[in-house]
Amino acid sequence: LISLLWIGLTVIGAIVCLWNKSFIGLWTRPEYFAGQTETFLIVFLIMLKAMQEVDGSIILMALEVKTNTTIGAIAVVITIVLAWLLIPLYQTVGLLLSLLAGTISMCLSYSYYAARRTQQTASFFISTYLSRTPVVCILIVTLSAFLGVHVTANSWTALIGAMAASFIILMVLLWFVAMNSDDRRKTIENFTKIAYFKTE
């Protein structure tokens, strides 16, 4: 489940990083584009928030309200302090960096407590954030953000075609590079268990 979530988020995030500039330029005006750094930070922030929800749900199901509240309070303090320091210096980027720092603190804390609840302290954290899948996914989104500065679609037809091609390339790339053979086998087995995909 975690591997598939990473891959789904990466496909969407990479496409946004690649083509958001062209989309904004076609939809409104090029000067309304916030910036490639801002786009990347927003995408990365959303990816981490999604992973945070997975770990957070384990804590909520365990009814550890005090733990959840404490983690949230610490993240808020980190975010506010960094925002106070960084926004005057870096404006929007400073705000996003402060939000990212707060989110990372929540991800690390949630992952630790979720791992403790499932008695997988080391392996749970590693599989969620430091295994092959998340590392490859983060690298691909980062590379997409870099390439997004250099690619442009000048029409809606070109943009839709480019996004479709990007989707196919990313899915194939992530399937073979981000997932190991065991993950691919388990994914196929899980899909075949779904009634819609079963063959007579």
C-alpha atoms as a PDB file:
ATOM      1  CA  LEU A   1       0.000   0.000   0.000  1.00  0.00           C
ATOM      2  CA  ILE A   2       2.767   2.449   0.925  1.00  0.00           C
ATOM      3  CA  SER A   3       4.682   1.724  -2.287  1.00  0.00           C
ATOM      4  CA  LEU A   4       1.576   2.279  -4.421  1.00  0.00           C
ATOM      5  CA  LEU A   5       0.811   5.515  -2.575  1.00  0.00           C
ATOM      6  CA  TRP A   6       4.341   6.776  -3.217  1.00  0.00           C
ATOM      7  CA  ILE A   7       4.079   5.883  -6.904  1.00  0.00           C
ATOM      8  CA  GLY A   8       0.662   7.494  -7.339  1.00  0.00           C
ATOM      9  CA  LEU A   9       1.795  10.686  -5.631  1.00  0.00           C
ATOM     10  CA  THR A  10       5.002  10.729  -7.660  1.00  0.00           C
ATOM     11  CA  VAL A  11       3.247  10.404 -11.014  1.00  0.00           C
ATOM     12  CA  ILE A  12       0.903  13.287 -10.205  1.00  0.00           C
ATOM     13  CA  GLY A  13       3.627  15.387  -8.584  1.00  0.00           C
ATOM     14  CA  ALA A  14       6.121  14.899 -11.400  1.00  0.00           C
ATOM     15  CA  ILE A  15       3.546  15.846 -14.039  1.00  0.00           C
ATOM     16  CA  VAL A  16       2.695  18.983 -12.070  1.00  0.00           C
ATOM     17  CA  CYS A  17       6.382  19.905 -11.774  1.00  0.00           C
ATOM     18  CA  LEU A  18       6.936  19.309 -15.490  1.00  0.00           C
ATOM     19  CA  TRP A  19       3.912  21.056 -16.952  1.00  0.00           C
ATOM     20  CA  ASN A  20       2.482  23.480 -14.378  1.00  0.00           C
ATOM     21  CA  LYS A  21       4.366  26.399 -15.920  1.00  0.00           C
ATOM     22  CA  SER A  22       2.905  25.662 -19.354  1.00  0.00           C
ATOM     23  CA  PHE A  23      -0.568  25.102 -17.891  1.00  0.00           C
ATOM     24  CA  ILE A  24      -0.564  28.452 -16.073  1.00  0.00           C
ATOM     25  CA  GLY A  25       0.729  30.188 -19.193  1.00  0.00           C
ATOM     26  CA  LEU A  26      -2.068  28.757 -21.339  1.00  0.00           C
ATOM     27  CA  TRP A  27      -4.811  29.132 -18.744  1.00  0.00           C
ATOM     28  CA  THR A  28      -3.955  32.683 -17.631  1.00  0.00           C
ATOM     29  CA  ARG A  29      -0.665  34.479 -18.307  1.00  0.00           C
ATOM     30  CA  PRO A  30       2.954  33.289 -17.927  1.00  0.00           C
ATOM     31  CA  GLU A  31       3.774  35.970 -15.353  1.00  0.00           C
ATOM     32  CA  TYR A  32       1.186  34.482 -12.986  1.00  0.00           C
ATOM     33  CA  PHE A  33       3.323  31.364 -12.557  1.00  0.00           C
ATOM     34  CA  ALA A  34       4.542  31.348  -8.947  1.00  0.00           C
ATOM     35  CA  GLY A  35       7.894  29.743  -9.737  1.00  0.00           C
ATOM     36  CA  GLN A  36       9.435  26.314 -10.159  1.00  0.00           C
ATOM     37  CA  THR A  37      10.897  26.215  -6.652  1.00  0.00           C
ATOM     38  CA  GLU A  38       7.508  27.043  -5.165  1.00  0.00           C
ATOM     39  CA  THR A  39       5.836  24.381  -7.313  1.00  0.00           C
ATOM     40  CA  PHE A  40       8.318  21.728  -6.221  1.00  0.00           C
ATOM     41  CA  LEU A  41       7.972  22.621  -2.535  1.00  0.00           C
ATOM     42  CA  ILE A  42       4.166  22.496  -2.735  1.00  0.00           C
ATOM     43  CA  VAL A  43       4.264  19.101  -4.460  1.00  0.00           C
ATOM     44  CA  PHE A  44       6.762  17.711  -1.952  1.00  0.00           C
ATOM     45  CA  LEU A  45       4.712  19.097   0.930  1.00  0.00           C
ATOM     46  CA  ILE A  46       1.541  17.394  -0.344  1.00  0.00           C
ATOM     47  CA  MET A  47       3.384  14.100  -0.810  1.00  0.00           C
ATOM     48  CA  LEU A  48       4.642  14.170   2.772  1.00  0.00           C
ATOM     49  CA  LYS A  49       1.204  15.170   4.096  1.00  0.00           C
ATOM     50  CA  ALA A  50      -0.315  12.128   2.380  1.00  0.00           C
ATOM     51  CA  MET A  51       2.291   9.816   3.923  1.00  0.00           C
ATOM     52  CA  GLN A  52       1.755  11.500   7.273  1.00  0.00           C
ATOM     53  CA  GLU A  53      -1.944  10.628   7.127  1.00  0.00           C
ATOM     54  CA  VAL A  54      -1.098   6.929   6.769  1.00  0.00           C
ATOM     55  CA  ASP A  55       0.970   6.935   9.954  1.00  0.00           C
ATOM     56  CA  GLY A  56      -1.418   9.305  11.724  1.00  0.00           C
ATOM     57  CA  SER A  57      -4.372   7.003  11.075  1.00  0.00           C
ATOM     58  CA  ILE A  58      -2.633   4.253  13.061  1.00  0.00           C
ATOM     59  CA  ILE A  59      -2.292   6.579  16.049  1.00  0.00           C
ATOM     60  CA  LEU A  60      -5.915   7.709  15.742  1.00  0.00           C
ATOM     61  CA  MET A  61      -7.148   4.120  15.506  1.00  0.00           C
ATOM     62  CA  ALA A  62      -5.182   3.377  18.672  1.00  0.00           C
ATOM     63  CA  LEU A  63      -6.994   6.343  20.289  1.00  0.00           C
ATOM     64  CA  GLU A  64      -3.730   7.987  21.356  1.00  0.00           C
ATOM     65  CA  VAL A  65      -5.262  11.456  21.396  1.00  0.00           C
ATOM     66  CA  LYS A  66      -2.625  12.892  23.729  1.00  0.00           C
ATOM     67  CA  THR A  67       0.192  11.709  21.468  1.00  0.00           C
ATOM     68  CA  ASN A  68      -1.532  13.085  18.381  1.00  0.00           C
ATOM     69  CA  THR A  69      -2.129  16.456  20.047  1.00  0.00           C
ATOM     70  CA  THR A  70       1.470  16.704  21.285  1.00  0.00           C
ATOM     71  CA  ILE A  71       2.906  15.920  17.851  1.00  0.00           C
ATOM     72  CA  GLY A  72       0.632  18.492  16.234  1.00  0.00           C
ATOM     73  CA  ALA A  73       1.509  21.157  18.789  1.00  0.00           C
ATOM     74  CA  ILE A  74       5.248  20.655  18.294  1.00  0.00           C
ATOM     75  CA  ALA A  75       4.827  20.878  14.518  1.00  0.00           C
ATOM     76  CA  VAL A  76       2.843  24.117  14.861  1.00  0.00           C
ATOM     77  CA  VAL A  77       5.567  25.685  17.018  1.00  0.00           C
ATOM     78  CA  ILE A  78       8.282  24.675  14.541  1.00  0.00           C
ATOM     79  CA  THR A  79       6.253  26.060  11.642  1.00  0.00           C
ATOM     80  CA  ILE A  80       5.486  29.383  13.321  1.00  0.00           C
ATOM     81  CA  VAL A  81       9.050  29.992  14.502  1.00  0.00           C
ATOM     82  CA  LEU A  82      10.552  29.181  11.110  1.00  0.00           C
ATOM     83  CA  ALA A  83       7.911  31.208   9.300  1.00  0.00           C
ATOM     84  CA  TRP A  84       8.756  34.210  11.494  1.00  0.00           C
ATOM     85  CA  LEU A  85      12.417  33.798  10.568  1.00  0.00           C
ATOM     86  CA  LEU A  86      12.165  32.819   6.896  1.00  0.00           C
ATOM     87  CA  ILE A  87       9.217  34.721   5.420  1.00  0.00           C
ATOM     88  CA  PRO A  88      10.919  38.153   5.672  1.00  0.00           C
ATOM     89  CA  LEU A  89      13.939  36.701   3.869  1.00  0.00           C
ATOM     90  CA  TYR A  90      12.401  34.394   1.257  1.00  0.00           C
ATOM     91  CA  GLN A  91       8.677  35.322   1.090  1.00  0.00           C
ATOM     92  CA  THR A  92       6.633  32.434  -0.362  1.00  0.00           C
ATOM     93  CA  VAL A  93       9.581  30.044  -0.383  1.00  0.00           C
ATOM     94  CA  GLY A  94      10.190  30.846   3.298  1.00  0.00           C
ATOM     95  CA  LEU A  95       6.560  30.063   4.131  1.00  0.00           C
ATOM     96  CA  LEU A  96       6.701  26.767   2.235  1.00  0.00           C
ATOM     97  CA  LEU A  97       9.994  25.790   3.884  1.00  0.00           C
ATOM     98  CA  SER A  98       8.532  26.434   7.332  1.00  0.00           C
ATOM     99  CA  LEU A  99       5.447  24.360   6.485  1.00  0.00           C
ATOM    100  CA  LEU A 100       7.699  21.635   5.126  1.00  0.00           C
ATOM    101  CA  ALA A 101       9.779  21.568   8.315  1.00  0.00           C
ATOM    102  CA  GLY A 102       6.648  21.254  10.440  1.00  0.00           C
ATOM    103  CA  THR A 103       5.326  18.477   8.220  1.00  0.00           C
ATOM    104  CA  ILE A 104       8.633  16.581   8.335  1.00  0.00           C
ATOM    105  CA  SER A 105       8.595  16.739  12.137  1.00  0.00           C
ATOM    106  CA  MET A 106       5.075  15.261  12.113  1.00  0.00           C
ATOM    107  CA  CYS A 107       6.068  12.562   9.606  1.00  0.00           C
ATOM    108  CA  LEU A 108       9.036  11.482  11.721  1.00  0.00           C
ATOM    109  CA  SER A 109       7.018  11.511  14.944  1.00  0.00           C
ATOM    110  CA  TYR A 110       4.003   9.718  13.462  1.00  0.00           C
ATOM    111  CA  SER A 111       6.246   7.138  11.837  1.00  0.00           C
ATOM    112  CA  TYR A 112       8.008   6.456  15.138  1.00  0.00           C
ATOM    113  CA  TYR A 113       4.788   6.012  17.111  1.00  0.00           C
ATOM    114  CA  ALA A 114       3.100   4.023  14.342  1.00  0.00           C
ATOM    115  CA  ALA A 115       6.128   1.737  14.192  1.00  0.00           C
ATOM    116  CA  ARG A 116       6.038   1.295  17.939  1.00  0.00           C
ATOM    117  CA  ARG A 117       2.349   0.368  17.802  1.00  0.00           C
ATOM    118  CA  THR A 118       2.992  -2.198  15.076  1.00  0.00           C
ATOM    119  CA  GLN A 119       6.238  -3.394  16.722  1.00  0.00           C
ATOM    120  CA  GLN A 120       8.290  -2.612  13.599  1.00  0.00           C
ATOM    121  CA  THR A 121      10.318   0.309  14.917  1.00  0.00           C
ATOM    122  CA  ALA A 122      13.174   0.298  12.405  1.00  0.00           C
ATOM    123  CA  SER A 123      11.665  -1.486   9.416  1.00  0.00           C
ATOM    124  CA  PHE A 124       8.480   0.616   9.390  1.00  0.00           C
ATOM    125  CA  PHE A 125      10.339   3.923   9.155  1.00  0.00           C
ATOM    126  CA  ILE A 126      12.815   2.617   6.595  1.00  0.00           C
ATOM    127  CA  SER A 127      10.104   1.138   4.356  1.00  0.00           C
ATOM    128  CA  THR A 128       8.103   4.361   4.490  1.00  0.00           C
ATOM    129  CA  TYR A 129      10.828   6.947   3.878  1.00  0.00           C
ATOM    130  CA  LEU A 130      14.245   5.383   3.234  1.00  0.00           C
ATOM    131  CA  SER A 131      13.617   2.293   1.137  1.00  0.00           C
ATOM    132  CA  ARG A 132      14.074   2.025  -2.614  1.00  0.00           C
ATOM    133  CA  THR A 133      10.586   3.220  -3.534  1.00  0.00           C
ATOM    134  CA  PRO A 134      10.474   6.570  -1.641  1.00  0.00           C
ATOM    135  CA  VAL A 135      14.081   7.428  -2.499  1.00  0.00           C
ATOM    136  CA  VAL A 136      13.522   6.836  -6.227  1.00  0.00           C
ATOM    137  CA  CYS A 137      10.197   8.694  -6.124  1.00  0.00           C
ATOM    138  CA  ILE A 138      11.717  11.757  -4.458  1.00  0.00           C
ATOM    139  CA  LEU A 139      14.573  11.764  -6.968  1.00  0.00           C
ATOM    140  CA  ILE A 140      12.141  11.591  -9.899  1.00  0.00           C
ATOM    141  CA  VAL A 141      10.033  14.474  -8.585  1.00  0.00           C
ATOM    142  CA  THR A 142      13.196  16.525  -8.014  1.00  0.00           C
ATOM    143  CA  LEU A 143      14.433  15.768 -11.535  1.00  0.00           C
ATOM    144  CA  SER A 144      11.004  16.653 -12.944  1.00  0.00           C
ATOM    145  CA  ALA A 145      11.142  20.009 -11.160  1.00  0.00           C
ATOM    146  CA  PHE A 146      14.519  20.678 -12.773  1.00  0.00           C
ATOM    147  CA  LEU A 147      13.326  19.626 -16.235  1.00  0.00           C
ATOM    148  CA  GLY A 148      10.148  21.674 -15.847  1.00  0.00           C
ATOM    149  CA  VAL A 149      12.217  24.828 -16.226  1.00  0.00           C
ATOM    150  CA  HIS A 150      13.353  23.739 -19.684  1.00  0.00           C
ATOM    151  CA  VAL A 151      10.202  22.222 -21.250  1.00  0.00           C
ATOM    152  CA  THR A 152       7.274  24.186 -22.659  1.00  0.00           C
ATOM    153  CA  ALA A 153       3.981  23.338 -24.349  1.00  0.00           C
ATOM    154  CA  ASN A 154       2.653  26.152 -26.524  1.00  0.00           C
ATOM    155  CA  SER A 155      -0.866  24.827 -27.098  1.00  0.00           C
ATOM    156  CA  TRP A 156      -3.512  22.830 -25.245  1.00  0.00           C
ATOM    157  CA  THR A 157      -3.093  19.950 -27.673  1.00  0.00           C
ATOM    158  CA  ALA A 158       0.650  19.846 -27.071  1.00  0.00           C
ATOM    159  CA  LEU A 159       0.153  20.120 -23.318  1.00  0.00           C
ATOM    160  CA  ILE A 160      -2.394  17.288 -23.134  1.00  0.00           C
ATOM    161  CA  GLY A 161      -0.206  15.092 -25.337  1.00  0.00           C
ATOM    162  CA  ALA A 162       2.875  15.854 -23.271  1.00  0.00           C
ATOM    163  CA  MET A 163       1.057  15.113 -20.013  1.00  0.00           C
ATOM    164  CA  ALA A 164      -0.273  11.819 -21.385  1.00  0.00           C
ATOM    165  CA  ALA A 165       3.193  10.809 -22.590  1.00  0.00           C
ATOM    166  CA  SER A 166       4.686  11.813 -19.244  1.00  0.00           C
ATOM    167  CA  PHE A 167       2.114   9.698 -17.432  1.00  0.00           C
ATOM    168  CA  ILE A 168       2.969   6.592 -19.453  1.00  0.00           C
ATOM    169  CA  ILE A 169       6.734   7.094 -19.151  1.00  0.00           C
ATOM    170  CA  LEU A 170       6.521   7.726 -15.407  1.00  0.00           C
ATOM    171  CA  MET A 171       4.329   4.695 -14.778  1.00  0.00           C
ATOM    172  CA  VAL A 172       6.683   2.390 -16.670  1.00  0.00           C
ATOM    173  CA  LEU A 173       9.765   3.944 -15.072  1.00  0.00           C
ATOM    174  CA  LEU A 174       8.382   3.728 -11.552  1.00  0.00           C
ATOM    175  CA  TRP A 175       7.063   0.200 -12.049  1.00  0.00           C
ATOM    176  CA  PHE A 176      10.497  -1.147 -12.958  1.00  0.00           C
ATOM    177  CA  VAL A 177      12.834   1.240 -11.129  1.00  0.00           C
ATOM    178  CA  ALA A 178      11.016   2.254  -7.950  1.00  0.00           C
ATOM    179  CA  MET A 179       9.511  -1.162  -7.180  1.00  0.00           C
ATOM    180  CA  ASN A 180      11.464  -4.356  -6.711  1.00  0.00           C
ATOM    181  CA  SER A 181      10.282  -7.663  -8.139  1.00  0.00           C
ATOM    182  CA  ASP A 182       8.638  -8.701  -4.868  1.00  0.00           C
ATOM    183  CA  ASP A 183       6.613  -5.464  -4.706  1.00  0.00           C
ATOM    184  CA  ARG A 184       5.523  -5.907  -8.329  1.00  0.00           C
ATOM    185  CA  ARG A 185       4.469  -9.488  -7.682  1.00  0.00           C
ATOM    186  CA  LYS A 186       2.442  -8.519  -4.596  1.00  0.00           C
ATOM    187  CA  THR A 187       0.788  -5.669  -6.486  1.00  0.00           C
ATOM    188  CA  ILE A 188      -0.277  -7.974  -9.308  1.00  0.00           C
ATOM    189  CA  GLU A 189      -1.565 -10.555  -6.817  1.00  0.00           C
ATOM    190  CA  ASN A 190      -3.624  -7.923  -5.011  1.00  0.00           C
ATOM    191  CA  PHE A 191      -5.145  -6.670  -8.260  1.00  0.00           C
ATOM    192  CA  THR A 192      -6.073 -10.180  -9.340  1.00  0.00           C
ATOM    193  CA  LYS A 193      -7.967 -10.629  -6.060  1.00  0.00           C
ATOM    194  CA  ILE A 194     -10.285  -7.739  -7.003  1.00  0.00           C
ATOM    195  CA  ALA A 195     -13.478  -9.144  -8.466  1.00  0.00           C
ATOM    196  CA  TYR A 196     -13.518  -6.702 -11.388  1.00  0.00           C
ATOM    197  CA  PHE A 197     -10.138  -7.962 -12.626  1.00  0.00           C
ATOM    198  CA  LYS A 198     -10.816 -11.659 -12.143  1.00  0.00           C
ATOM    199  CA  THR A 199     -11.085 -13.797 -15.244  1.00  0.00           C
ATOM    200  CA  GLU A 200     -13.360 -16.776 -15.563  1.00  0.00           C
END
